Amino acid sequence: MRKSYYLICCCLVLAACDASRIYEKNVDLPNRVWLEDSLIEFEMRVDDASLPYNLYANVRNGHSYPFYNLYLQYTIVDSTGREVKKDLTNLILFDPKTGEPRGSGLGDVFDHQLPLLESYSFPDEGRYTVELQQYMRRDSLEEVYGVGVRLELATID
């Protein structure tokens, strides 16, 4: 009984450490390859459009990833199918001069959480879909293990 009590308390403490997170989901890519025409979608809900949000791209890649960067196109679509935001961004995964990996990781796998939008105000409350597509102009982008998105409340200073 005492062990389960401590386990429950630990889980609650760990969950409370990330109180700003609204949504986070990651998708593993088959064979560690991101195909050019592969559109990865994430569905989330915004309950308060008056608050600012941060949106991040999560990228997991291997040390053998062939570039220092990742061009990523993201699109935010509301529940009516209306595109509310679309942009192409350049995510830096390795230091361009030294080749040292950025992000955190062990061995030859690295996790990155890179900002797409900071202090963004959604136009309305409701359901939104975030679509991610690699834009490296390669049919098969190797050594990308997975991608995801994270939505969190922005801190108000």
N, C-alpha and C. Protein backbone atom coordinates (compact mmCIF):
# COMPACT_ATOMS: atom_id res chain seq x y z
N MET A 1 0.82 -1.20 0.00
CA MET A 1 0.00 0.00 0.00
C MET A 1 0.86 1.26 0.00
N ARG A 2 1.91 1.24 0.81
CA ARG A 2 2.78 2.41 0.92
C ARG A 2 3.50 2.68 -0.41
N LYS A 3 3.94 1.62 -1.11
CA LYS A 3 4.63 1.80 -2.39
C LYS A 3 3.71 2.43 -3.43
N SER A 4 2.47 1.99 -3.50
CA SER A 4 1.55 2.56 -4.48
C SER A 4 1.24 4.02 -4.16
N TYR A 5 1.19 4.35 -2.89
CA TYR A 5 0.96 5.75 -2.48
C TYR A 5 2.10 6.63 -2.97
N TYR A 6 3.34 6.17 -2.75
CA TYR A 6 4.49 6.95 -3.20
C TYR A 6 4.54 7.04 -4.73
N LEU A 7 4.18 5.98 -5.39
CA LEU A 7 4.16 6.00 -6.85
C LEU A 7 3.14 7.01 -7.37
N ILE A 8 1.97 7.04 -6.78
CA ILE A 8 0.94 8.00 -7.19
C ILE A 8 1.41 9.42 -6.92
N CYS A 9 2.02 9.66 -5.76
CA CYS A 9 2.53 11.00 -5.43
C CYS A 9 3.61 11.43 -6.42
N CYS A 10 4.51 10.53 -6.76
CA CYS A 10 5.56 10.86 -7.72
C CYS A 10 4.98 11.22 -9.09
N CYS A 11 4.00 10.45 -9.52
CA CYS A 11 3.36 10.73 -10.81
C CYS A 11 2.68 12.10 -10.82
N LEU A 12 2.02 12.43 -9.73
CA LEU A 12 1.35 13.73 -9.63
C LEU A 12 2.36 14.88 -9.64
N VAL A 13 3.47 14.70 -8.94
CA VAL A 13 4.50 15.74 -8.92
C VAL A 13 5.09 15.93 -10.30
N LEU A 14 5.40 14.83 -10.99
CA LEU A 14 5.97 14.94 -12.34
C LEU A 14 4.99 15.57 -13.31
N ALA A 15 3.73 15.26 -13.20
CA ALA A 15 2.73 15.85 -14.08
C ALA A 15 2.57 17.34 -13.82
N ALA A 16 2.70 17.73 -12.58
CA ALA A 16 2.54 19.15 -12.22
C ALA A 16 3.72 19.99 -12.70
N CYS A 17 4.87 19.36 -12.94
CA CYS A 17 6.05 20.10 -13.39
C CYS A 17 5.87 20.67 -14.78
N ASP A 18 4.93 20.18 -15.53
CA ASP A 18 4.73 20.61 -16.91
C ASP A 18 3.33 21.20 -17.07
N ALA A 19 2.98 22.10 -16.17
CA ALA A 19 1.62 22.65 -16.14
C ALA A 19 1.31 23.54 -17.34
N SER A 20 2.33 24.06 -18.01
CA SER A 20 2.07 24.96 -19.14
C SER A 20 1.70 24.19 -20.41
N ARG A 21 1.96 22.87 -20.44
CA ARG A 21 1.68 22.09 -21.65
C ARG A 21 0.18 21.89 -21.82
N ILE A 22 -0.30 22.23 -23.02
CA ILE A 22 -1.69 22.03 -23.40
C ILE A 22 -1.82 20.73 -24.21
N TYR A 23 -0.85 20.50 -25.08
CA TYR A 23 -0.90 19.35 -25.98
C TYR A 23 0.52 19.00 -26.39
N GLU A 24 0.79 17.71 -26.48
CA GLU A 24 2.06 17.27 -27.03
C GLU A 24 1.89 15.85 -27.56
N LYS A 25 2.33 15.67 -28.79
CA LYS A 25 2.26 14.34 -29.40
C LYS A 25 3.41 14.20 -30.38
N ASN A 26 3.99 13.01 -30.40
CA ASN A 26 5.08 12.69 -31.32
C ASN A 26 4.71 11.44 -32.11
N VAL A 27 5.17 11.40 -33.35
CA VAL A 27 4.89 10.27 -34.24
C VAL A 27 6.21 9.71 -34.73
N ASP A 28 6.39 8.40 -34.57
CA ASP A 28 7.57 7.73 -35.12
C ASP A 28 7.38 7.55 -36.62
N LEU A 29 8.46 7.77 -37.36
CA LEU A 29 8.41 7.62 -38.82
C LEU A 29 8.88 6.22 -39.20
N PRO A 30 8.15 5.56 -40.11
CA PRO A 30 8.54 4.21 -40.53
C PRO A 30 9.93 4.22 -41.16
N ASN A 31 10.77 3.29 -40.74
CA ASN A 31 12.12 3.12 -41.29
C ASN A 31 13.01 4.34 -41.12
N ARG A 32 12.63 5.25 -40.22
CA ARG A 32 13.42 6.47 -39.95
C ARG A 32 13.60 7.32 -41.19
N VAL A 33 12.55 7.37 -42.01
CA VAL A 33 12.59 8.13 -43.26
C VAL A 33 11.33 8.99 -43.32
N TRP A 34 11.53 10.28 -43.64
CA TRP A 34 10.40 11.19 -43.81
C TRP A 34 10.26 11.45 -45.31
N LEU A 35 9.21 10.91 -45.88
CA LEU A 35 8.97 11.08 -47.31
C LEU A 35 8.50 12.50 -47.60
N GLU A 36 8.90 13.02 -48.75
CA GLU A 36 8.59 14.40 -49.12
C GLU A 36 7.09 14.66 -49.16
N ASP A 37 6.32 13.70 -49.65
CA ASP A 37 4.88 13.92 -49.78
C ASP A 37 4.10 13.49 -48.54
N SER A 38 4.81 13.15 -47.47
CA SER A 38 4.16 12.71 -46.24
C SER A 38 3.78 13.93 -45.38
N LEU A 39 2.48 14.09 -45.20
CA LEU A 39 1.94 15.18 -44.39
C LEU A 39 1.54 14.58 -43.04
N ILE A 40 2.13 15.06 -41.96
CA ILE A 40 1.85 14.52 -40.64
C ILE A 40 0.95 15.52 -39.91
N GLU A 41 -0.18 15.03 -39.41
CA GLU A 41 -1.20 15.89 -38.82
C GLU A 41 -1.35 15.62 -37.33
N PHE A 42 -1.58 16.70 -36.60
CA PHE A 42 -1.81 16.66 -35.16
C PHE A 42 -3.06 17.49 -34.86
N GLU A 43 -3.98 16.90 -34.14
CA GLU A 43 -5.22 17.59 -33.82
C GLU A 43 -5.22 17.98 -32.34
N MET A 44 -5.46 19.26 -32.08
CA MET A 44 -5.45 19.77 -30.71
C MET A 44 -6.62 20.71 -30.49
N ARG A 45 -6.84 21.05 -29.24
CA ARG A 45 -7.94 21.92 -28.90
C ARG A 45 -7.41 23.14 -28.15
N VAL A 46 -7.91 24.32 -28.53
CA VAL A 46 -7.60 25.57 -27.84
C VAL A 46 -8.88 26.01 -27.14
N ASP A 47 -8.83 26.05 -25.81
CA ASP A 47 -10.02 26.38 -25.03
C ASP A 47 -10.16 27.86 -24.70
N ASP A 48 -9.08 28.63 -24.82
CA ASP A 48 -9.14 30.05 -24.49
C ASP A 48 -8.33 30.84 -25.51
N ALA A 49 -9.00 31.46 -26.45
CA ALA A 49 -8.32 32.21 -27.53
C ALA A 49 -7.77 33.55 -27.05
N SER A 50 -8.09 33.95 -25.83
CA SER A 50 -7.58 35.22 -25.32
C SER A 50 -6.15 35.09 -24.78
N LEU A 51 -5.66 33.86 -24.63
CA LEU A 51 -4.32 33.63 -24.08
C LEU A 51 -3.30 33.43 -25.19
N PRO A 52 -2.04 33.82 -24.96
CA PRO A 52 -0.98 33.56 -25.94
C PRO A 52 -0.41 32.14 -25.76
N TYR A 53 -0.03 31.53 -26.87
CA TYR A 53 0.49 30.17 -26.87
C TYR A 53 1.82 30.11 -27.60
N ASN A 54 2.63 29.14 -27.20
CA ASN A 54 3.86 28.80 -27.92
C ASN A 54 3.63 27.46 -28.61
N LEU A 55 4.07 27.37 -29.85
CA LEU A 55 3.98 26.12 -30.61
C LEU A 55 5.39 25.70 -30.97
N TYR A 56 5.72 24.45 -30.67
CA TYR A 56 7.05 23.92 -30.94
C TYR A 56 6.96 22.72 -31.88
N ALA A 57 8.03 22.54 -32.64
CA ALA A 57 8.22 21.32 -33.42
C ALA A 57 9.17 20.42 -32.64
N ASN A 58 8.80 19.17 -32.48
CA ASN A 58 9.67 18.17 -31.89
C ASN A 58 10.27 17.34 -33.01
N VAL A 59 11.58 17.22 -33.00
CA VAL A 59 12.26 16.44 -34.03
C VAL A 59 13.24 15.50 -33.34
N ARG A 60 13.19 14.23 -33.73
CA ARG A 60 14.17 13.24 -33.26
C ARG A 60 14.91 12.75 -34.49
N ASN A 61 16.23 12.88 -34.46
CA ASN A 61 17.04 12.49 -35.61
C ASN A 61 18.29 11.75 -35.15
N GLY A 62 18.87 11.03 -36.09
CA GLY A 62 20.12 10.34 -35.84
C GLY A 62 21.31 11.22 -36.17
N HIS A 63 22.46 10.83 -35.63
CA HIS A 63 23.70 11.58 -35.88
C HIS A 63 24.07 11.56 -37.35
N SER A 64 23.60 10.56 -38.09
CA SER A 64 23.92 10.44 -39.52
C SER A 64 22.96 11.24 -40.40
N TYR A 65 22.09 12.04 -39.80
CA TYR A 65 21.21 12.90 -40.60
C TYR A 65 22.09 13.70 -41.55
N PRO A 66 21.77 13.75 -42.85
CA PRO A 66 22.70 14.27 -43.85
C PRO A 66 22.84 15.80 -43.93
N PHE A 67 22.09 16.56 -43.15
CA PHE A 67 22.15 18.02 -43.23
C PHE A 67 22.30 18.60 -41.82
N TYR A 68 22.64 19.87 -41.74
CA TYR A 68 22.70 20.53 -40.43
C TYR A 68 21.34 21.12 -40.06
N ASN A 69 20.43 21.20 -41.03
CA ASN A 69 19.15 21.86 -40.80
C ASN A 69 18.00 21.02 -41.34
N LEU A 70 16.80 21.51 -41.07
CA LEU A 70 15.59 20.88 -41.60
C LEU A 70 14.61 21.99 -41.96
N TYR A 71 14.32 22.10 -43.25
CA TYR A 71 13.26 23.02 -43.66
C TYR A 71 11.93 22.33 -43.42
N LEU A 72 11.09 22.99 -42.66
CA LEU A 72 9.82 22.42 -42.25
C LEU A 72 8.71 23.40 -42.61
N GLN A 73 7.71 22.90 -43.31
CA GLN A 73 6.53 23.71 -43.59
C GLN A 73 5.44 23.27 -42.63
N TYR A 74 4.86 24.25 -41.95
CA TYR A 74 3.75 23.92 -41.05
C TYR A 74 2.54 24.75 -41.44
N THR A 75 1.38 24.14 -41.24
CA THR A 75 0.11 24.78 -41.54
C THR A 75 -0.81 24.54 -40.36
N ILE A 76 -1.51 25.59 -39.94
CA ILE A 76 -2.52 25.47 -38.89
C ILE A 76 -3.88 25.69 -39.54
N VAL A 77 -4.77 24.71 -39.35
CA VAL A 77 -6.09 24.73 -39.97
C VAL A 77 -7.13 24.66 -38.85
N ASP A 78 -8.17 25.51 -38.94
CA ASP A 78 -9.21 25.47 -37.91
C ASP A 78 -10.23 24.39 -38.22
N SER A 79 -11.24 24.27 -37.36
CA SER A 79 -12.22 23.17 -37.49
C SER A 79 -13.11 23.30 -38.72
N THR A 80 -13.15 24.47 -39.34
CA THR A 80 -13.95 24.65 -40.55
C THR A 80 -13.14 24.35 -41.81
N GLY A 81 -11.83 24.04 -41.63
CA GLY A 81 -10.97 23.78 -42.77
C GLY A 81 -10.25 25.01 -43.27
N ARG A 82 -10.43 26.13 -42.58
CA ARG A 82 -9.78 27.39 -42.98
C ARG A 82 -8.33 27.41 -42.49
N GLU A 83 -7.43 27.73 -43.39
CA GLU A 83 -6.01 27.85 -43.06
C GLU A 83 -5.80 29.18 -42.31
N VAL A 84 -5.33 29.10 -41.06
CA VAL A 84 -5.14 30.31 -40.28
C VAL A 84 -3.69 30.75 -40.22
N LYS A 85 -2.76 29.81 -40.49
CA LYS A 85 -1.35 30.17 -40.47
C LYS A 85 -0.58 29.14 -41.28
N LYS A 86 0.36 29.61 -42.09
CA LYS A 86 1.21 28.72 -42.86
C LYS A 86 2.57 29.38 -42.99
N ASP A 87 3.62 28.60 -42.79
CA ASP A 87 4.95 29.18 -42.88
C ASP A 87 5.97 28.08 -43.15
N LEU A 88 7.08 28.50 -43.71
CA LEU A 88 8.23 27.64 -43.93
C LEU A 88 9.31 28.12 -42.98
N THR A 89 9.86 27.20 -42.19
CA THR A 89 10.87 27.60 -41.22
C THR A 89 12.10 26.72 -41.36
N ASN A 90 13.23 27.26 -40.99
CA ASN A 90 14.50 26.56 -41.06
C ASN A 90 14.91 26.18 -39.64
N LEU A 91 14.86 24.89 -39.33
CA LEU A 91 15.22 24.41 -38.00
C LEU A 91 16.67 23.93 -38.04
N ILE A 92 17.49 24.43 -37.12
CA ILE A 92 18.90 24.08 -37.07
C ILE A 92 19.08 22.90 -36.10
N LEU A 93 19.53 21.76 -36.63
CA LEU A 93 19.70 20.55 -35.83
C LEU A 93 21.15 20.31 -35.41
N PHE A 94 22.10 20.81 -36.20
CA PHE A 94 23.52 20.69 -35.91
C PHE A 94 24.16 22.06 -36.08
N ASP A 95 25.21 22.32 -35.34
CA ASP A 95 25.95 23.57 -35.51
C ASP A 95 26.54 23.58 -36.91
N PRO A 96 26.24 24.62 -37.71
CA PRO A 96 26.69 24.64 -39.11
C PRO A 96 28.22 24.63 -39.27
N LYS A 97 28.96 25.15 -38.28
CA LYS A 97 30.42 25.23 -38.40
C LYS A 97 31.11 24.00 -37.82
N THR A 98 30.68 23.57 -36.65
CA THR A 98 31.38 22.47 -35.98
C THR A 98 30.76 21.11 -36.26
N GLY A 99 29.50 21.09 -36.66
CA GLY A 99 28.82 19.82 -36.87
C GLY A 99 28.32 19.18 -35.59
N GLU A 100 28.53 19.86 -34.46
CA GLU A 100 28.06 19.33 -33.18
C GLU A 100 26.53 19.34 -33.15
N PRO A 101 25.95 18.23 -32.70
CA PRO A 101 24.48 18.19 -32.65
C PRO A 101 23.94 19.13 -31.59
N ARG A 102 22.83 19.74 -31.91
CA ARG A 102 22.09 20.53 -30.94
C ARG A 102 20.99 19.64 -30.39
N GLY A 103 20.33 20.08 -29.36
CA GLY A 103 19.29 19.26 -28.77
C GLY A 103 19.88 18.36 -27.70
N SER A 104 19.07 17.47 -27.20
CA SER A 104 19.53 16.56 -26.16
C SER A 104 19.51 15.15 -26.71
N GLY A 105 20.38 14.31 -26.16
CA GLY A 105 20.38 12.95 -26.62
C GLY A 105 21.49 12.13 -26.02
N LEU A 106 21.37 10.86 -26.24
CA LEU A 106 22.39 9.90 -25.82
C LEU A 106 22.80 9.11 -27.04
N GLY A 107 24.08 8.80 -27.11
CA GLY A 107 24.55 8.04 -28.25
C GLY A 107 24.43 8.87 -29.52
N ASP A 108 23.75 8.31 -30.50
CA ASP A 108 23.64 9.03 -31.77
C ASP A 108 22.20 9.37 -32.14
N VAL A 109 21.34 9.52 -31.13
CA VAL A 109 19.96 9.95 -31.34
C VAL A 109 19.72 11.23 -30.55
N PHE A 110 19.16 12.24 -31.23
CA PHE A 110 19.01 13.56 -30.61
C PHE A 110 17.57 14.05 -30.71
N ASP A 111 17.11 14.65 -29.64
CA ASP A 111 15.77 15.24 -29.57
C ASP A 111 15.89 16.75 -29.56
N HIS A 112 15.05 17.38 -30.38
CA HIS A 112 15.02 18.84 -30.48
C HIS A 112 13.59 19.31 -30.23
N GLN A 113 13.48 20.42 -29.53
CA GLN A 113 12.19 21.09 -29.40
C GLN A 113 12.44 22.54 -29.82
N LEU A 114 11.96 22.87 -31.02
CA LEU A 114 12.30 24.14 -31.64
C LEU A 114 11.04 24.98 -31.86
N PRO A 115 11.12 26.28 -31.55
CA PRO A 115 9.92 27.12 -31.64
C PRO A 115 9.46 27.34 -33.08
N LEU A 116 8.15 27.21 -33.28
CA LEU A 116 7.52 27.60 -34.53
C LEU A 116 6.81 28.94 -34.37
N LEU A 117 6.07 29.07 -33.28
CA LEU A 117 5.35 30.31 -32.97
C LEU A 117 5.51 30.63 -31.49
N GLU A 118 5.75 31.90 -31.20
CA GLU A 118 5.87 32.33 -29.80
C GLU A 118 4.83 33.40 -29.52
N SER A 119 4.16 33.25 -28.40
CA SER A 119 3.10 34.17 -27.98
C SER A 119 2.06 34.37 -29.08
N TYR A 120 1.66 33.29 -29.68
CA TYR A 120 0.69 33.31 -30.77
C TYR A 120 -0.73 33.30 -30.20
N SER A 121 -1.58 34.12 -30.77
CA SER A 121 -2.99 34.16 -30.37
C SER A 121 -3.83 33.49 -31.46
N PHE A 122 -4.49 32.42 -31.08
CA PHE A 122 -5.39 31.76 -32.02
C PHE A 122 -6.61 32.63 -32.24
N PRO A 123 -7.17 32.64 -33.46
CA PRO A 123 -8.30 33.53 -33.74
C PRO A 123 -9.57 33.16 -32.96
N ASP A 124 -9.77 31.88 -32.68
CA ASP A 124 -10.98 31.42 -32.00
C ASP A 124 -10.65 30.23 -31.12
N GLU A 125 -11.56 29.93 -30.22
CA GLU A 125 -11.46 28.70 -29.45
C GLU A 125 -11.93 27.56 -30.34
N GLY A 126 -11.46 26.36 -30.05
CA GLY A 126 -11.92 25.20 -30.80
C GLY A 126 -10.81 24.27 -31.21
N ARG A 127 -11.13 23.41 -32.14
CA ARG A 127 -10.21 22.39 -32.62
C ARG A 127 -9.34 22.94 -33.75
N TYR A 128 -8.05 22.62 -33.70
CA TYR A 128 -7.10 23.01 -34.73
C TYR A 128 -6.28 21.80 -35.14
N THR A 129 -5.89 21.77 -36.39
CA THR A 129 -4.99 20.74 -36.90
C THR A 129 -3.69 21.41 -37.32
N VAL A 130 -2.59 20.87 -36.85
CA VAL A 130 -1.27 21.32 -37.27
C VAL A 130 -0.71 20.27 -38.22
N GLU A 131 -0.34 20.71 -39.41
CA GLU A 131 0.21 19.83 -40.43
C GLU A 131 1.69 20.13 -40.60
N LEU A 132 2.52 19.10 -40.58
CA LEU A 132 3.96 19.24 -40.77
C LEU A 132 4.37 18.49 -42.03
N GLN A 133 5.27 19.13 -42.78
CA GLN A 133 5.81 18.49 -43.99
C GLN A 133 7.26 18.91 -44.14
N GLN A 134 8.13 17.94 -44.39
CA GLN A 134 9.54 18.28 -44.62
C GLN A 134 9.65 18.95 -45.99
N TYR A 135 10.51 19.94 -46.07
CA TYR A 135 10.63 20.72 -47.30
C TYR A 135 12.10 20.79 -47.72
N MET A 136 12.76 19.62 -47.67
CA MET A 136 14.17 19.57 -48.01
C MET A 136 14.41 19.23 -49.49
N ARG A 137 13.34 19.08 -50.24
CA ARG A 137 13.42 18.77 -51.67
C ARG A 137 14.13 17.44 -51.95
N ARG A 138 13.88 16.51 -51.05
CA ARG A 138 14.36 15.14 -51.22
C ARG A 138 13.17 14.23 -51.09
N ASP A 139 13.10 13.23 -51.95
CA ASP A 139 12.00 12.27 -51.87
C ASP A 139 11.98 11.56 -50.52
N SER A 140 13.17 11.18 -50.05
CA SER A 140 13.29 10.46 -48.80
C SER A 140 14.34 11.14 -47.93
N LEU A 141 13.91 11.65 -46.82
CA LEU A 141 14.82 12.30 -45.88
C LEU A 141 15.13 11.28 -44.79
N GLU A 142 16.35 10.75 -44.83
CA GLU A 142 16.74 9.68 -43.93
C GLU A 142 17.22 10.20 -42.58
N GLU A 143 17.19 9.30 -41.60
CA GLU A 143 17.66 9.55 -40.24
C GLU A 143 16.78 10.52 -39.47
N VAL A 144 15.51 10.62 -39.86
CA VAL A 144 14.52 11.34 -39.05
C VAL A 144 13.68 10.25 -38.39
N TYR A 145 13.84 10.11 -37.08
CA TYR A 145 13.18 9.03 -36.35
C TYR A 145 11.72 9.36 -36.07
N GLY A 146 11.45 10.64 -35.81
CA GLY A 146 10.09 11.03 -35.48
C GLY A 146 9.94 12.53 -35.41
N VAL A 147 8.70 12.98 -35.50
CA VAL A 147 8.38 14.40 -35.39
C VAL A 147 7.12 14.56 -34.54
N GLY A 148 6.96 15.75 -34.03
CA GLY A 148 5.78 16.01 -33.22
C GLY A 148 5.59 17.50 -33.01
N VAL A 149 4.57 17.83 -32.26
CA VAL A 149 4.30 19.22 -31.91
C VAL A 149 3.99 19.32 -30.42
N ARG A 150 4.25 20.48 -29.90
CA ARG A 150 3.93 20.79 -28.50
C ARG A 150 3.29 22.16 -28.49
N LEU A 151 2.15 22.27 -27.81
CA LEU A 151 1.47 23.53 -27.60
C LEU A 151 1.47 23.80 -26.11
N GLU A 152 1.90 25.00 -25.75
CA GLU A 152 1.92 25.35 -24.34
C GLU A 152 1.49 26.80 -24.16
N LEU A 153 1.07 27.12 -22.95
CA LEU A 153 0.74 28.50 -22.63
C LEU A 153 2.03 29.32 -22.60
N ALA A 154 2.02 30.48 -23.22
CA ALA A 154 3.16 31.36 -23.17
C ALA A 154 3.17 32.06 -21.82
N THR A 155 4.36 32.33 -21.34
CA THR A 155 4.46 33.05 -20.08
C THR A 155 4.17 34.52 -20.33
N ILE A 156 3.41 35.10 -19.46
CA ILE A 156 3.05 36.51 -19.57
C ILE A 156 3.87 37.28 -18.57
N ASP A 157 4.72 38.17 -19.08
CA ASP A 157 5.59 38.95 -18.20
C ASP A 157 4.92 40.20 -17.68
